[in-house]
N, C-alpha and C. Protein backbone atom coordinates (compact mmCIF):
# COMPACT_ATOMS: atom_id res chain seq x y z
N MET A 1 0.83 -1.21 0.04
CA MET A 1 -0.03 0.01 0.02
C MET A 1 0.82 1.32 -0.06
N LYS A 2 2.04 1.28 0.69
CA LYS A 2 2.95 2.38 0.83
C LYS A 2 3.39 2.74 -0.66
N ARG A 3 3.80 1.70 -1.30
CA ARG A 3 4.32 1.79 -2.71
C ARG A 3 3.32 2.53 -3.60
N VAL A 4 2.09 2.17 -3.46
CA VAL A 4 0.97 2.75 -4.24
C VAL A 4 0.90 4.32 -3.92
N ILE A 5 0.90 4.54 -2.63
CA ILE A 5 0.89 5.99 -2.19
C ILE A 5 2.10 6.77 -2.64
N TYR A 6 3.30 6.11 -2.61
CA TYR A 6 4.48 6.84 -3.17
C TYR A 6 4.39 7.05 -4.61
N PHE A 7 3.96 6.03 -5.25
CA PHE A 7 3.90 6.19 -6.78
C PHE A 7 2.88 7.27 -7.13
N VAL A 8 1.77 7.26 -6.55
CA VAL A 8 0.73 8.27 -6.77
C VAL A 8 1.15 9.67 -6.45
N SER A 9 1.81 9.78 -5.30
CA SER A 9 2.32 11.19 -4.97
C SER A 9 3.45 11.63 -5.91
N PHE A 10 4.42 10.73 -6.21
CA PHE A 10 5.38 11.04 -7.32
C PHE A 10 4.68 11.49 -8.55
N PHE A 11 3.76 10.81 -9.00
CA PHE A 11 3.09 10.98 -10.26
C PHE A 11 2.37 12.40 -10.23
N VAL A 12 1.67 12.67 -9.09
CA VAL A 12 1.01 13.93 -8.99
C VAL A 12 1.94 15.08 -8.94
N PHE A 13 3.02 14.93 -8.09
CA PHE A 13 3.93 16.11 -7.99
C PHE A 13 4.69 16.26 -9.36
N GLY A 14 5.02 15.21 -10.01
CA GLY A 14 5.68 15.18 -11.22
C GLY A 14 4.74 15.94 -12.36
N LEU A 15 3.47 15.60 -12.25
CA LEU A 15 2.53 16.08 -13.16
C LEU A 15 2.38 17.62 -12.97
N ILE A 16 2.35 17.98 -11.75
CA ILE A 16 2.21 19.46 -11.38
C ILE A 16 3.37 20.20 -11.92
N THR A 17 4.60 19.71 -11.59
CA THR A 17 5.75 20.35 -11.98
C THR A 17 5.92 20.42 -13.52
N SER A 18 5.60 19.33 -14.11
CA SER A 18 5.78 19.35 -15.60
C SER A 18 4.78 20.23 -16.30
N VAL A 19 3.65 20.40 -15.71
CA VAL A 19 2.49 21.28 -16.34
C VAL A 19 3.06 22.74 -16.21
N PHE A 20 3.55 23.07 -14.99
CA PHE A 20 4.06 24.42 -14.84
C PHE A 20 5.35 24.66 -15.70
N ALA A 21 6.17 23.72 -15.81
CA ALA A 21 7.41 23.89 -16.57
C ALA A 21 7.15 23.93 -18.09
N ALA A 22 6.00 23.25 -18.54
CA ALA A 22 5.72 23.26 -19.95
C ALA A 22 5.15 24.51 -20.51
N GLU A 23 4.75 25.41 -19.62
CA GLU A 23 4.23 26.74 -20.02
C GLU A 23 5.39 27.49 -20.66
N THR A 24 5.32 27.93 -21.89
CA THR A 24 6.37 28.71 -22.42
C THR A 24 5.97 30.12 -22.89
N GLU A 25 4.85 30.51 -22.44
CA GLU A 25 4.34 31.82 -22.73
C GLU A 25 5.23 32.89 -22.05
N ALA A 26 5.32 34.01 -22.73
CA ALA A 26 6.26 35.12 -22.22
C ALA A 26 5.46 35.99 -21.19
N ALA A 27 4.16 35.85 -21.03
CA ALA A 27 3.45 36.74 -20.08
C ALA A 27 3.88 36.36 -18.67
N PRO A 28 4.13 37.38 -17.78
CA PRO A 28 4.40 37.08 -16.43
C PRO A 28 3.32 36.25 -15.66
N LEU A 29 3.74 35.57 -14.68
CA LEU A 29 2.83 34.70 -13.99
C LEU A 29 2.12 35.55 -12.93
N ALA A 30 0.92 35.18 -12.66
CA ALA A 30 0.09 35.83 -11.60
C ALA A 30 0.63 35.50 -10.24
N ASP A 31 0.34 36.30 -9.25
CA ASP A 31 0.90 36.09 -7.90
C ASP A 31 0.47 34.80 -7.38
N GLY A 32 -0.80 34.39 -7.57
CA GLY A 32 -1.32 33.11 -7.05
C GLY A 32 -0.62 31.91 -7.70
N VAL A 33 -0.33 31.99 -9.02
CA VAL A 33 0.36 30.98 -9.75
C VAL A 33 1.82 30.90 -9.25
N LYS A 34 2.47 32.06 -9.02
CA LYS A 34 3.90 32.04 -8.52
C LYS A 34 3.95 31.25 -7.27
N GLN A 35 3.03 31.35 -6.38
CA GLN A 35 3.00 30.56 -5.20
C GLN A 35 2.98 29.11 -5.32
N PHE A 36 2.19 28.63 -6.29
CA PHE A 36 2.06 27.24 -6.59
C PHE A 36 3.23 26.79 -7.27
N VAL A 37 3.93 27.57 -8.15
CA VAL A 37 5.07 27.11 -8.85
C VAL A 37 6.26 26.96 -7.82
N ALA A 38 6.34 27.90 -6.96
CA ALA A 38 7.45 27.83 -5.89
C ALA A 38 7.18 26.60 -5.01
N LEU A 39 5.92 26.33 -4.69
CA LEU A 39 5.64 25.14 -3.87
C LEU A 39 5.82 23.84 -4.54
N ALA A 40 5.49 23.70 -5.83
CA ALA A 40 5.79 22.54 -6.58
C ALA A 40 7.26 22.39 -6.77
N ALA A 41 8.02 23.36 -7.01
CA ALA A 41 9.37 23.20 -7.15
C ALA A 41 10.06 22.81 -5.88
N GLY A 42 9.63 23.40 -4.80
CA GLY A 42 10.19 23.01 -3.48
C GLY A 42 9.95 21.62 -3.12
N PHE A 43 8.63 21.17 -3.30
CA PHE A 43 8.28 19.81 -3.08
C PHE A 43 9.00 18.86 -3.93
N GLY A 44 9.19 19.20 -5.18
CA GLY A 44 9.85 18.37 -6.08
C GLY A 44 11.29 18.12 -5.75
N ILE A 45 11.92 19.15 -5.42
CA ILE A 45 13.39 19.05 -4.98
C ILE A 45 13.43 18.30 -3.69
N ALA A 46 12.70 18.55 -2.74
CA ALA A 46 12.71 17.85 -1.41
C ALA A 46 12.39 16.40 -1.53
N LEU A 47 11.40 16.01 -2.28
CA LEU A 47 10.97 14.69 -2.42
C LEU A 47 11.99 13.94 -3.30
N SER A 48 12.60 14.56 -4.27
CA SER A 48 13.64 13.88 -5.15
C SER A 48 14.82 13.51 -4.29
N ALA A 49 15.33 14.51 -3.48
CA ALA A 49 16.44 14.30 -2.55
C ALA A 49 16.13 13.14 -1.58
N ALA A 50 14.99 13.22 -0.90
CA ALA A 50 14.67 12.23 0.14
C ALA A 50 14.54 10.87 -0.44
N PHE A 51 13.68 10.71 -1.44
CA PHE A 51 13.28 9.38 -1.79
C PHE A 51 14.43 8.86 -2.76
N GLY A 52 15.25 9.64 -3.45
CA GLY A 52 16.41 9.15 -4.12
C GLY A 52 17.44 8.55 -3.31
N ALA A 53 17.64 9.27 -2.08
CA ALA A 53 18.52 8.77 -1.10
C ALA A 53 18.07 7.48 -0.46
N LEU A 54 16.82 7.39 -0.24
CA LEU A 54 16.25 6.12 0.31
C LEU A 54 16.38 4.95 -0.71
N GLY A 55 16.13 5.34 -2.03
CA GLY A 55 16.35 4.23 -2.98
C GLY A 55 17.78 3.76 -3.14
N GLN A 56 18.65 4.71 -3.07
CA GLN A 56 20.07 4.31 -3.19
C GLN A 56 20.43 3.51 -1.97
N GLY A 57 20.02 3.88 -0.77
CA GLY A 57 20.29 3.18 0.48
C GLY A 57 19.80 1.80 0.40
N LYS A 58 18.58 1.55 -0.10
CA LYS A 58 18.05 0.17 -0.22
C LYS A 58 18.89 -0.67 -1.26
N ALA A 59 19.21 0.00 -2.44
CA ALA A 59 19.96 -0.75 -3.36
C ALA A 59 21.36 -1.14 -2.84
N VAL A 60 22.01 -0.31 -2.18
CA VAL A 60 23.31 -0.58 -1.60
C VAL A 60 23.14 -1.70 -0.52
N ALA A 61 22.20 -1.57 0.26
CA ALA A 61 21.99 -2.51 1.38
C ALA A 61 21.69 -3.96 0.77
N ALA A 62 20.90 -3.96 -0.23
CA ALA A 62 20.56 -5.34 -0.90
C ALA A 62 21.82 -5.87 -1.55
N ALA A 63 22.70 -5.05 -2.21
CA ALA A 63 23.93 -5.49 -2.79
C ALA A 63 24.80 -6.04 -1.82
N LEU A 64 25.03 -5.30 -0.67
CA LEU A 64 25.96 -5.68 0.29
C LEU A 64 25.41 -6.95 1.03
N GLU A 65 24.20 -7.14 1.22
CA GLU A 65 23.62 -8.39 1.77
C GLU A 65 23.92 -9.56 0.78
N GLY A 66 23.71 -9.36 -0.38
CA GLY A 66 24.01 -10.40 -1.36
C GLY A 66 25.47 -10.77 -1.45
N ILE A 67 26.28 -9.81 -1.33
CA ILE A 67 27.74 -10.06 -1.39
C ILE A 67 28.10 -10.75 0.04
N ALA A 68 27.58 -10.41 1.03
CA ALA A 68 27.82 -11.04 2.36
C ALA A 68 27.46 -12.55 2.27
N ARG A 69 26.39 -12.81 1.63
CA ARG A 69 25.95 -14.22 1.57
C ARG A 69 26.70 -15.01 0.58
N ASN A 70 27.13 -14.41 -0.58
CA ASN A 70 27.96 -15.14 -1.54
C ASN A 70 29.09 -14.23 -2.02
N PRO A 71 30.20 -14.21 -1.32
CA PRO A 71 31.26 -13.32 -1.75
C PRO A 71 31.76 -13.55 -3.23
N ASN A 72 31.55 -14.77 -3.72
CA ASN A 72 32.17 -14.98 -5.06
C ASN A 72 31.23 -14.24 -6.19
N ALA A 73 30.09 -13.77 -5.74
CA ALA A 73 29.26 -13.06 -6.74
C ALA A 73 29.47 -11.57 -6.73
N ALA A 74 30.34 -11.02 -5.98
CA ALA A 74 30.62 -9.59 -5.89
C ALA A 74 30.96 -9.03 -7.16
N PRO A 75 31.89 -9.64 -8.02
CA PRO A 75 32.12 -8.98 -9.37
C PRO A 75 30.95 -8.93 -10.36
N LYS A 76 29.94 -9.90 -10.10
CA LYS A 76 28.85 -9.88 -10.99
C LYS A 76 27.83 -8.88 -10.48
N MET A 77 27.88 -8.48 -9.23
CA MET A 77 26.85 -7.61 -8.66
C MET A 77 27.26 -6.11 -8.78
N THR A 78 28.54 -5.85 -8.93
CA THR A 78 29.08 -4.47 -9.00
C THR A 78 28.47 -3.62 -10.13
N THR A 79 28.58 -4.23 -11.30
CA THR A 79 28.19 -3.43 -12.47
C THR A 79 26.65 -3.13 -12.47
N PRO A 80 25.76 -4.10 -12.19
CA PRO A 80 24.27 -3.67 -12.09
C PRO A 80 24.05 -2.82 -10.93
N LEU A 81 24.81 -2.87 -9.86
CA LEU A 81 24.66 -1.91 -8.73
C LEU A 81 24.93 -0.49 -9.15
N ILE A 82 26.10 -0.32 -9.70
CA ILE A 82 26.43 1.06 -10.18
C ILE A 82 25.53 1.52 -11.20
N LEU A 83 25.05 0.72 -12.09
CA LEU A 83 24.16 1.19 -13.13
C LEU A 83 22.82 1.56 -12.44
N GLY A 84 22.25 0.76 -11.52
CA GLY A 84 21.14 1.18 -10.84
C GLY A 84 21.20 2.47 -10.06
N LEU A 85 22.32 2.65 -9.34
CA LEU A 85 22.56 3.89 -8.53
C LEU A 85 22.63 5.11 -9.53
N ALA A 86 23.24 4.84 -10.73
CA ALA A 86 23.31 5.92 -11.67
C ALA A 86 21.90 6.28 -12.19
N PHE A 87 21.00 5.37 -12.43
CA PHE A 87 19.63 5.58 -12.84
C PHE A 87 18.90 6.38 -11.75
N ILE A 88 19.01 5.95 -10.45
CA ILE A 88 18.39 6.62 -9.43
C ILE A 88 18.85 8.08 -9.35
N GLU A 89 20.16 8.30 -9.42
CA GLU A 89 20.73 9.65 -9.21
C GLU A 89 20.35 10.50 -10.44
N THR A 90 20.14 9.88 -11.63
CA THR A 90 19.66 10.68 -12.83
C THR A 90 18.31 11.23 -12.67
N LEU A 91 17.55 10.40 -12.05
CA LEU A 91 16.12 10.82 -11.80
C LEU A 91 16.05 11.99 -10.82
N SER A 92 16.94 11.87 -9.83
CA SER A 92 16.97 12.96 -8.74
C SER A 92 17.52 14.28 -9.45
N ILE A 93 18.53 14.15 -10.26
CA ILE A 93 19.08 15.32 -10.99
C ILE A 93 18.17 15.98 -11.88
N PHE A 94 17.33 15.18 -12.61
CA PHE A 94 16.35 15.71 -13.51
C PHE A 94 15.28 16.40 -12.73
N THR A 95 14.88 15.88 -11.48
CA THR A 95 13.91 16.67 -10.79
C THR A 95 14.49 17.92 -10.23
N VAL A 96 15.63 17.92 -9.77
CA VAL A 96 16.18 19.22 -9.35
C VAL A 96 16.42 20.18 -10.46
N LEU A 97 16.79 19.80 -11.59
CA LEU A 97 16.92 20.69 -12.83
C LEU A 97 15.45 21.29 -13.12
N LEU A 98 14.44 20.40 -13.05
CA LEU A 98 13.07 20.87 -13.32
C LEU A 98 12.64 21.96 -12.29
N GLY A 99 13.07 21.66 -11.01
CA GLY A 99 12.80 22.75 -10.00
C GLY A 99 13.48 23.96 -10.21
N PHE A 100 14.82 23.92 -10.73
CA PHE A 100 15.41 25.23 -11.03
C PHE A 100 14.77 25.92 -12.25
N MET A 101 14.29 25.10 -13.20
CA MET A 101 13.64 25.65 -14.28
C MET A 101 12.26 26.39 -13.78
N LEU A 102 11.70 25.81 -12.84
CA LEU A 102 10.40 26.45 -12.33
C LEU A 102 10.75 27.68 -11.56
N PHE A 103 11.87 27.61 -10.78
CA PHE A 103 12.24 28.86 -10.05
C PHE A 103 12.63 29.94 -11.04
N GLY A 104 13.12 29.58 -12.21
CA GLY A 104 13.44 30.69 -13.19
C GLY A 104 12.34 31.27 -13.72
N LYS A 105 11.16 30.75 -13.67
CA LYS A 105 9.85 31.33 -14.14
C LYS A 105 9.33 32.30 -13.15
N LEU A 106 9.84 32.30 -11.95
CA LEU A 106 9.25 33.29 -10.93
C LEU A 106 9.78 34.66 -11.26
C-alpha cells in the first residue's frame, strides 16, 4: 500500500511540476500561480532528494547483503549496482533541474 501511495504522490507532483514547466508563454505569472510554482518546485526538490537517497540506500543494502551471503558473486553484482545507482541519481538530478527551471519562471 505504501508503494502505491508513493507512486501516486510522485506522479501527482511530477505532473504538477511538468505542467508548470511546460508553459512557455512570455506573459508574467500571476501572484497566485507563482506561489504554486514555488511550492511545486520546493516539493519536487525535497521529495527527489529524500526518496532518491532512500532508493540508493536500499539498493546498496541489498547488494551488500547479497555479497555477504555469496562473496564470489561480488564482481557480478558491482556493475548492475552502479548502473542502478546511476539511474536513481539521474532521476534525482532531473527533478532538481526541473525545480530550477520552475524557479526561473518566478
